[in-house]
Structure formats: structure tokens, C-alpha cells
PDB file of N, CA and C in Angstrom:
ATOM      1  N   MET A   1     -85.775 151.662  89.519  1.00  0.00           N
ATOM      2  CA  MET A   1     -85.544 153.116  88.971  1.00  0.00           C
ATOM      3  C   MET A   1     -86.893 153.781  89.037  1.00  0.00           C
ATOM      4  N   ILE A   2     -86.698 155.222  89.564  1.00  0.00           N
ATOM      5  CA  ILE A   2     -88.161 156.073  89.571  1.00  0.00           C
ATOM      6  C   ILE A   2     -87.985 156.943  88.574  1.00  0.00           C
ATOM      7  N   GLU A   3     -89.321 157.153  88.016  1.00  0.00           N
ATOM      8  CA  GLU A   3     -89.602 157.731  86.596  1.00  0.00           C
ATOM      9  C   GLU A   3     -90.054 159.223  86.922  1.00  0.00           C
ATOM     10  N   HIS A   4     -89.350 160.087  86.489  1.00  0.00           N
ATOM     11  CA  HIS A   4     -89.956 161.370  86.319  1.00  0.00           C
ATOM     12  C   HIS A   4     -90.002 161.779  84.991  1.00  0.00           C
ATOM     13  N   LYS A   5     -89.722 163.155  84.479  1.00  0.00           N
ATOM     14  CA  LYS A   5     -89.412 163.918  83.451  1.00  0.00           C
ATOM     15  C   LYS A   5     -88.362 163.250  82.946  1.00  0.00           C
ATOM     16  N   ALA A   6     -87.220 162.967  84.103  1.00  0.00           N
ATOM     17  CA  ALA A   6     -86.104 162.222  83.704  1.00  0.00           C
ATOM     18  C   ALA A   6     -85.982 161.044  84.275  1.00  0.00           C
ATOM     19  N   TYR A   7     -85.000 160.423  84.448  1.00  0.00           N
ATOM     20  CA  TYR A   7     -84.790 158.884  85.494  1.00  0.00           C
ATOM     21  C   TYR A   7     -84.036 159.289  86.400  1.00  0.00           C
ATOM     22  N   GLU A   8     -84.270 158.954  87.587  1.00  0.00           N
ATOM     23  CA  GLU A   8     -83.428 159.264  88.722  1.00  0.00           C
ATOM     24  C   GLU A   8     -83.021 157.941  89.471  1.00  0.00           C
ATOM     25  N   CYS A   9     -81.793 157.969  89.737  1.00  0.00           N
ATOM     26  CA  CYS A   9     -81.192 156.728  90.543  1.00  0.00           C
ATOM     27  C   CYS A   9     -81.738 156.446  91.792  1.00  0.00           C
ATOM     28  N   GLU A  10     -82.298 155.637  92.247  1.00  0.00           N
ATOM     29  CA  GLU A  10     -82.997 155.347  93.460  1.00  0.00           C
ATOM     30  C   GLU A  10     -81.826 155.407  94.704  1.00  0.00           C
ATOM     31  N   PHE A  11     -80.674 155.225  94.388  1.00  0.00           N
ATOM     32  CA  PHE A  11     -79.711 155.206  95.356  1.00  0.00           C
ATOM     33  C   PHE A  11     -79.162 156.316  95.680  1.00  0.00           C
ATOM     34  N   CYS A  12     -78.620 156.937  94.672  1.00  0.00           N
ATOM     35  CA  CYS A  12     -77.799 158.472  94.834  1.00  0.00           C
ATOM     36  C   CYS A  12     -78.571 159.585  94.344  1.00  0.00           C
ATOM     37  N   GLY A  13     -79.661 159.559  93.671  1.00  0.00           N
ATOM     38  CA  GLY A  13     -80.477 160.609  93.227  1.00  0.00           C
ATOM     39  C   GLY A  13     -80.125 161.373  91.919  1.00  0.00           C
ATOM     40  N   ILE A  14     -79.048 160.766  91.327  1.00  0.00           N
ATOM     41  CA  ILE A  14     -78.540 161.519  89.992  1.00  0.00           C
ATOM     42  C   ILE A  14     -79.683 161.597  89.137  1.00  0.00           C
ATOM     43  N   GLU A  15     -80.053 162.341  88.372  1.00  0.00           N
ATOM     44  CA  GLU A  15     -81.046 162.478  87.429  1.00  0.00           C
ATOM     45  C   GLU A  15     -80.500 162.440  86.047  1.00  0.00           C
ATOM     46  N   PHE A  16     -81.071 161.787  84.928  1.00  0.00           N
ATOM     47  CA  PHE A  16     -80.907 161.425  83.623  1.00  0.00           C
ATOM     48  C   PHE A  16     -82.107 161.934  82.778  1.00  0.00           C
ATOM     49  N   ASP A  17     -81.638 162.535  81.572  1.00  0.00           N
ATOM     50  CA  ASP A  17     -82.819 163.074  80.719  1.00  0.00           C
ATOM     51  C   ASP A  17     -83.615 161.837  80.049  1.00  0.00           C
ATOM     52  N   GLU A  18     -84.718 162.081  79.476  1.00  0.00           N
ATOM     53  CA  GLU A  18     -85.383 161.041  78.647  1.00  0.00           C
ATOM     54  C   GLU A  18     -84.377 160.187  78.011  1.00  0.00           C
ATOM     55  N   GLU A  19     -83.639 160.989  77.028  1.00  0.00           N
ATOM     56  CA  GLU A  19     -82.731 160.342  76.014  1.00  0.00           C
ATOM     57  C   GLU A  19     -81.728 159.403  76.611  1.00  0.00           C
ATOM     58  N   GLU A  20     -81.590 159.422  77.857  1.00  0.00           N
ATOM     59  CA  GLU A  20     -80.449 158.736  78.563  1.00  0.00           C
ATOM     60  C   GLU A  20     -80.869 157.298  79.212  1.00  0.00           C
ATOM     61  N   TYR A  21     -82.088 156.859  79.112  1.00  0.00           N
ATOM     62  CA  TYR A  21     -82.542 155.717  79.676  1.00  0.00           C
ATOM     63  C   TYR A  21     -81.407 154.438  79.737  1.00  0.00           C
ATOM     64  N   GLU A  22     -80.846 154.344  78.980  1.00  0.00           N
ATOM     65  CA  GLU A  22     -79.769 153.176  78.851  1.00  0.00           C
ATOM     66  C   GLU A  22     -78.551 153.489  79.741  1.00  0.00           C
ATOM     67  N   THR A  23     -78.199 154.759  79.809  1.00  0.00           N
ATOM     68  CA  THR A  23     -77.209 155.371  80.647  1.00  0.00           C
ATOM     69  C   THR A  23     -77.609 155.384  82.066  1.00  0.00           C
ATOM     70  N   ALA A  24     -78.870 155.688  82.443  1.00  0.00           N
ATOM     71  CA  ALA A  24     -79.236 155.568  83.642  1.00  0.00           C
ATOM     72  C   ALA A  24     -79.442 154.121  84.115  1.00  0.00           C
ATOM     73  N   LEU A  25     -79.817 153.093  83.316  1.00  0.00           N
ATOM     74  CA  LEU A  25     -79.770 151.806  83.745  1.00  0.00           C
ATOM     75  C   LEU A  25     -78.525 151.314  84.183  1.00  0.00           C
ATOM     76  N   ASN A  26     -77.660 151.800  83.273  1.00  0.00           N
ATOM     77  CA  ASN A  26     -76.121 151.158  83.594  1.00  0.00           C
ATOM     78  C   ASN A  26     -75.575 151.724  84.705  1.00  0.00           C
ATOM     79  N   HIS A  27     -75.830 153.102  84.841  1.00  0.00           N
ATOM     80  CA  HIS A  27     -75.333 153.731  86.218  1.00  0.00           C
ATOM     81  C   HIS A  27     -76.094 153.047  87.304  1.00  0.00           C
ATOM     82  N   GLU A  28     -77.086 153.001  87.504  1.00  0.00           N
ATOM     83  CA  GLU A  28     -77.946 152.321  88.593  1.00  0.00           C
ATOM     84  C   GLU A  28     -77.319 150.818  88.889  1.00  0.00           C
ATOM     85  N   ALA A  29     -77.086 150.146  87.812  1.00  0.00           N
ATOM     86  CA  ALA A  29     -76.643 148.826  88.151  1.00  0.00           C
ATOM     87  C   ALA A  29     -75.260 148.891  88.937  1.00  0.00           C
ATOM     88  N   ARG A  30     -74.484 149.832  88.656  1.00  0.00           N
ATOM     89  CA  ARG A  30     -73.022 149.977  89.093  1.00  0.00           C
ATOM     90  C   ARG A  30     -72.983 151.100  90.137  1.00  0.00           C
ATOM     91  N   CYS A  31     -74.113 151.790  90.505  1.00  0.00           N
ATOM     92  CA  CYS A  31     -74.039 152.879  91.552  1.00  0.00           C
ATOM     93  C   CYS A  31     -73.501 152.610  92.918  1.00  0.00           C
ATOM     94  N   GLU A  32     -72.314 153.438  93.418  1.00  0.00           N
ATOM     95  CA  GLU A  32     -71.371 153.118  94.500  1.00  0.00           C
ATOM     96  C   GLU A  32     -72.463 153.268  95.716  1.00  0.00           C
ATOM     97  N   CYS A  33     -73.488 153.991  95.784  1.00  0.00           N
ATOM     98  CA  CYS A  33     -74.330 154.161  96.929  1.00  0.00           C
ATOM     99  C   CYS A  33     -75.239 153.038  97.130  1.00  0.00           C
ATOM    100  N   ASN A  34     -75.429 151.838  96.046  1.00  0.00           N
ATOM    101  CA  ASN A  34     -76.102 150.649  96.155  1.00  0.00           C
ATOM    102  C   ASN A  34     -75.614 149.812  97.484  1.00  0.00           C
ATOM    103  N   PRO A  35     -76.318 149.751  98.458  1.00  0.00           N
ATOM    104  CA  PRO A  35     -75.907 149.145  99.715  1.00  0.00           C
ATOM    105  C   PRO A  35     -75.618 147.581  99.451  1.00  0.00           C
ATOM    106  N   LYS A  36     -75.977 147.239  98.371  1.00  0.00           N
ATOM    107  CA  LYS A  36     -75.459 145.510  98.043  1.00  0.00           C
ATOM    108  C   LYS A  36     -73.987 145.632  97.646  1.00  0.00           C
ATOM    109  N   TYR A  37     -73.331 146.620  97.504  1.00  0.00           N
ATOM    110  CA  TYR A  37     -71.981 146.754  97.322  1.00  0.00           C
ATOM    111  C   TYR A  37     -71.164 147.134  98.430  1.00  0.00           C
ATOM    112  N   LYS A  38     -71.936 147.578  99.471  1.00  0.00           N
ATOM    113  CA  LYS A  38     -71.328 147.833 100.773  1.00  0.00           C
ATOM    114  C   LYS A  38     -70.095 148.600 100.544  1.00  0.00           C
ATOM    115  N   LYS A  39     -69.914 149.611  99.784  1.00  0.00           N
ATOM    116  CA  LYS A  39     -68.870 150.488  99.758  1.00  0.00           C
ATOM    117  C   LYS A  39     -69.291 151.931 100.586  1.00  0.00           C
ATOM    118  N   CYS A  40     -68.310 152.798 100.823  1.00  0.00           N
ATOM    119  CA  CYS A  40     -68.499 154.030 101.489  1.00  0.00           C
ATOM    120  C   CYS A  40     -69.663 154.849 101.089  1.00  0.00           C
ATOM    121  N   ALA A  41     -69.904 154.886  99.872  1.00  0.00           N
ATOM    122  CA  ALA A  41     -70.994 155.827  99.352  1.00  0.00           C
ATOM    123  C   ALA A  41     -72.370 155.179  99.963  1.00  0.00           C
ATOM    124  N   SER A  42     -72.390 153.947 100.210  1.00  0.00           N
ATOM    125  CA  SER A  42     -73.614 153.293 100.780  1.00  0.00           C
ATOM    126  C   SER A  42     -73.747 153.482 102.193  1.00  0.00           C
ATOM    127  N   CYS A  43     -72.799 153.673 103.199  1.00  0.00           N
ATOM    128  CA  CYS A  43     -72.853 154.071 104.420  1.00  0.00           C
ATOM    129  C   CYS A  43     -73.698 154.955 104.983  1.00  0.00           C
ATOM    130  N   LYS A  44     -74.247 154.908 105.986  1.00  0.00           N
ATOM    131  CA  LYS A  44     -75.149 156.159 106.367  1.00  0.00           C
ATOM    132  C   LYS A  44     -74.428 157.534 106.932  1.00  0.00           C
ATOM    133  N   HIS A  45     -73.144 157.246 107.085  1.00  0.00           N
ATOM    134  CA  HIS A  45     -72.265 158.543 107.211  1.00  0.00           C
ATOM    135  C   HIS A  45     -71.674 159.100 105.972  1.00  0.00           C
ATOM    136  N   GLY A  46     -71.777 158.374 104.974  1.00  0.00           N
ATOM    137  CA  GLY A  46     -71.219 158.756 103.783  1.00  0.00           C
ATOM    138  C   GLY A  46     -72.145 159.928 102.884  1.00  0.00           C
ATOM    139  N   LYS A  47     -71.691 160.797 102.145  1.00  0.00           N
ATOM    140  CA  LYS A  47     -72.257 161.658 101.460  1.00  0.00           C
ATOM    141  C   LYS A  47     -71.693 161.730 100.115  1.00  0.00           C
ATOM    142  N   SER A  48     -72.504 161.954  99.086  1.00  0.00           N
ATOM    143  CA  SER A  48     -72.043 161.925  97.912  1.00  0.00           C
ATOM    144  C   SER A  48     -72.025 163.512  97.557  1.00  0.00           C
ATOM    145  N   ILE A  49     -70.848 163.979  97.007  1.00  0.00           N
ATOM    146  CA  ILE A  49     -70.532 165.471  96.624  1.00  0.00           C
ATOM    147  C   ILE A  49     -69.936 165.536  95.149  1.00  0.00           C
ATOM    148  N   VAL A  50     -70.364 166.340  94.302  1.00  0.00           N
ATOM    149  CA  VAL A  50     -69.842 166.582  93.010  1.00  0.00           C
ATOM    150  C   VAL A  50     -69.293 167.967  93.144  1.00  0.00           C
ATOM    151  N   SER A  51     -68.027 168.058  92.876  1.00  0.00           N
ATOM    152  CA  SER A  51     -67.122 169.517  92.685  1.00  0.00           C
ATOM    153  C   SER A  51     -66.351 169.457  91.373  1.00  0.00           C
ATOM    154  N   TYR A  52     -66.503 170.497  90.547  1.00  0.00           N
ATOM    155  CA  TYR A  52     -65.967 170.436  89.420  1.00  0.00           C
ATOM    156  C   TYR A  52     -66.123 169.393  88.456  1.00  0.00           C
ATOM    157  N   GLU A  53     -67.278 168.846  88.593  1.00  0.00           N
ATOM    158  CA  GLU A  53     -67.744 167.685  87.867  1.00  0.00           C
ATOM    159  C   GLU A  53     -67.181 166.277  88.155  1.00  0.00           C
ATOM    160  N   VAL A  54     -66.568 166.251  89.464  1.00  0.00           N
ATOM    161  CA  VAL A  54     -65.809 165.018  90.015  1.00  0.00           C
ATOM    162  C   VAL A  54     -66.694 164.722  91.203  1.00  0.00           C
ATOM    163  N   GLU A  55     -66.892 163.431  91.302  1.00  0.00           N
ATOM    164  CA  GLU A  55     -67.609 162.976  92.457  1.00  0.00           C
ATOM    165  C   GLU A  55     -66.813 162.471  93.458  1.00  0.00           C
ATOM    166  N   TYR A  56     -67.273 162.882  94.720  1.00  0.00           N
ATOM    167  CA  TYR A  56     -66.358 162.557  95.941  1.00  0.00           C
ATOM    168  C   TYR A  56     -67.404 161.987  96.745  1.00  0.00           C
ATOM    169  N   ILE A  57     -66.781 161.079  97.745  1.00  0.00           N
ATOM    170  CA  ILE A  57     -67.583 160.745  99.001  1.00  0.00           C
ATOM    171  C   ILE A  57     -66.950 161.195 100.347  1.00  0.00           C
ATOM    172  N   LYS A  58     -67.833 162.048 101.024  1.00  0.00           N
ATOM    173  CA  LYS A  58     -67.664 162.723 102.156  1.00  0.00           C
ATOM    174  C   LYS A  58     -68.047 161.844 103.385  1.00  0.00           C
ATOM    175  N   CYS A  59     -67.253 161.638 104.222  1.00  0.00           N
ATOM    176  CA  CYS A  59     -67.580 160.726 105.460  1.00  0.00           C
ATOM    177  C   CYS A  59     -67.842 161.813 106.568  1.00  0.00           C
ATOM    178  N   ASP A  60     -69.073 161.790 107.161  1.00  0.00           N
ATOM    179  CA  ASP A  60     -69.485 162.790 108.223  1.00  0.00           C
ATOM    180  C   ASP A  60     -69.313 161.916 109.735  1.00  0.00           C
ATOM    181  N   ARG A  61     -68.605 160.919 109.552  1.00  0.00           N
ATOM    182  CA  ARG A  61     -68.364 160.158 110.894  1.00  0.00           C
ATOM    183  C   ARG A  61     -67.177 160.831 111.531  1.00  0.00           C
ATOM    184  N   LEU A  62     -67.032 161.083 112.881  1.00  0.00           N
ATOM    185  CA  LEU A  62     -66.045 161.626 113.553  1.00  0.00           C
ATOM    186  C   LEU A  62     -65.311 160.259 113.865  1.00  0.00           C
ATOM    187  N   ARG A  63     -63.814 160.822 113.758  1.00  0.00           N
ATOM    188  CA  ARG A  63     -63.037 159.389 114.226  1.00  0.00           C
ATOM    189  C   ARG A  63     -61.541 159.875 114.021  1.00  0.00           C
ATOM    190  N   ALA A  64     -60.628 159.192 114.586  1.00  0.00           N
ATOM    191  CA  ALA A  64     -59.150 159.602 114.373  1.00  0.00           C
ATOM    192  C   ALA A  64     -58.645 159.621 113.226  1.00  0.00           C
ATOM    193  N   THR A  65     -57.573 160.521 112.871  1.00  0.00           N
ATOM    194  CA  THR A  65     -57.049 160.525 111.682  1.00  0.00           C
ATOM    195  C   THR A  65     -56.305 159.159 111.146  1.00  0.00           C
ATOM    196  N   TYR A  66     -55.725 158.533 111.990  1.00  0.00           N
ATOM    197  CA  TYR A  66     -55.215 157.402 111.858  1.00  0.00           C
ATOM    198  C   TYR A  66     -56.064 156.120 111.826  1.00  0.00           C
ATOM    199  N   SER A  67     -57.349 156.251 112.101  1.00  0.00           N
ATOM    200  CA  SER A  67     -58.216 155.158 112.218  1.00  0.00           C
ATOM    201  C   SER A  67     -59.021 154.921 110.811  1.00  0.00           C
ATOM    202  N   SER A  68     -59.395 153.759 110.333  1.00  0.00           N
ATOM    203  CA  SER A  68     -60.340 153.596 109.257  1.00  0.00           C
ATOM    204  C   SER A  68     -61.583 153.278 109.699  1.00  0.00           C
ATOM    205  N   CYS A  69     -62.684 153.326 108.862  1.00  0.00           N
ATOM    206  CA  CYS A  69     -63.986 153.191 109.198  1.00  0.00           C
ATOM    207  C   CYS A  69     -64.314 151.816 108.412  1.00  0.00           C
ATOM    208  N   ASP A  70     -64.933 151.011 109.148  1.00  0.00           N
ATOM    209  CA  ASP A  70     -65.432 149.612 108.603  1.00  0.00           C
ATOM    210  C   ASP A  70     -67.104 149.528 108.818  1.00  0.00           C
ATOM    211  N   ASP A  71     -67.656 150.853 109.019  1.00  0.00           N
ATOM    212  CA  ASP A  71     -69.195 150.640 109.193  1.00  0.00           C
ATOM    213  C   ASP A  71     -69.960 150.184 107.912  1.00  0.00           C
ATOM    214  N   TRP A  72     -69.495 150.288 106.734  1.00  0.00           N
ATOM    215  CA  TRP A  72     -70.003 149.713 105.747  1.00  0.00           C
ATOM    216  C   TRP A  72     -69.803 148.372 105.489  1.00  0.00           C
ATOM    217  N   ARG A  73     -68.733 147.752 106.112  1.00  0.00           N
ATOM    218  CA  ARG A  73     -68.632 146.310 106.246  1.00  0.00           C
ATOM    219  C   ARG A  73     -69.638 145.383 107.275  1.00  0.00           C
ATOM    220  N   ASP A  74     -69.987 146.268 108.140  1.00  0.00           N
ATOM    221  CA  ASP A  74     -70.825 145.774 109.128  1.00  0.00           C
ATOM    222  C   ASP A  74     -72.095 145.564 108.782  1.00  0.00           C
ATOM    223  N   LYS A  75     -72.649 146.262 107.384  1.00  0.00           N
ATOM    224  CA  LYS A  75     -73.855 146.137 107.040  1.00  0.00           C
ATOM    225  C   LYS A  75     -74.421 144.866 106.985  1.00  0.00           C
TER     226      LYS A  75
END
């Protein structure tokens, strides 16, 4: 955990207020961007995007529409 005025997740960069210490710890323990979970968010091609308070993973890798990406499995 990186400590600033607020707390910041070291995997995805989401910041939390000082009062949200427990929430920050719980988030970091389950963060989709943590490489140990080997999910799309932890892939070097994945990018976390928040739109209308909903978090999405955008893949920047070019591939055919019918193919699937296993890059995160190969880590």
C-alpha cells in the first residue's frame, strides 16, 4: 500500500481517503489488477476505465473479433 494524503492501490491506482483505510486494504487484497490473479486487468494490454461509476477493462491488443486473448494466462 502506497501512503499519500489518501491511500492508493499499488496495482490499479485507485485512491482512498484517510478514513477509508480498511476499505483500501480490502480493495487491494482483491484488486483485479493484481498480477497474482492473472486476470485481464493485470495483463499489459488491459486498461482500467471508469465510466458512470462502473469499472470496465479495455483491452488494447489487436486481434480478430472471434479470437480470445490468453496473454494474462501466459504470465
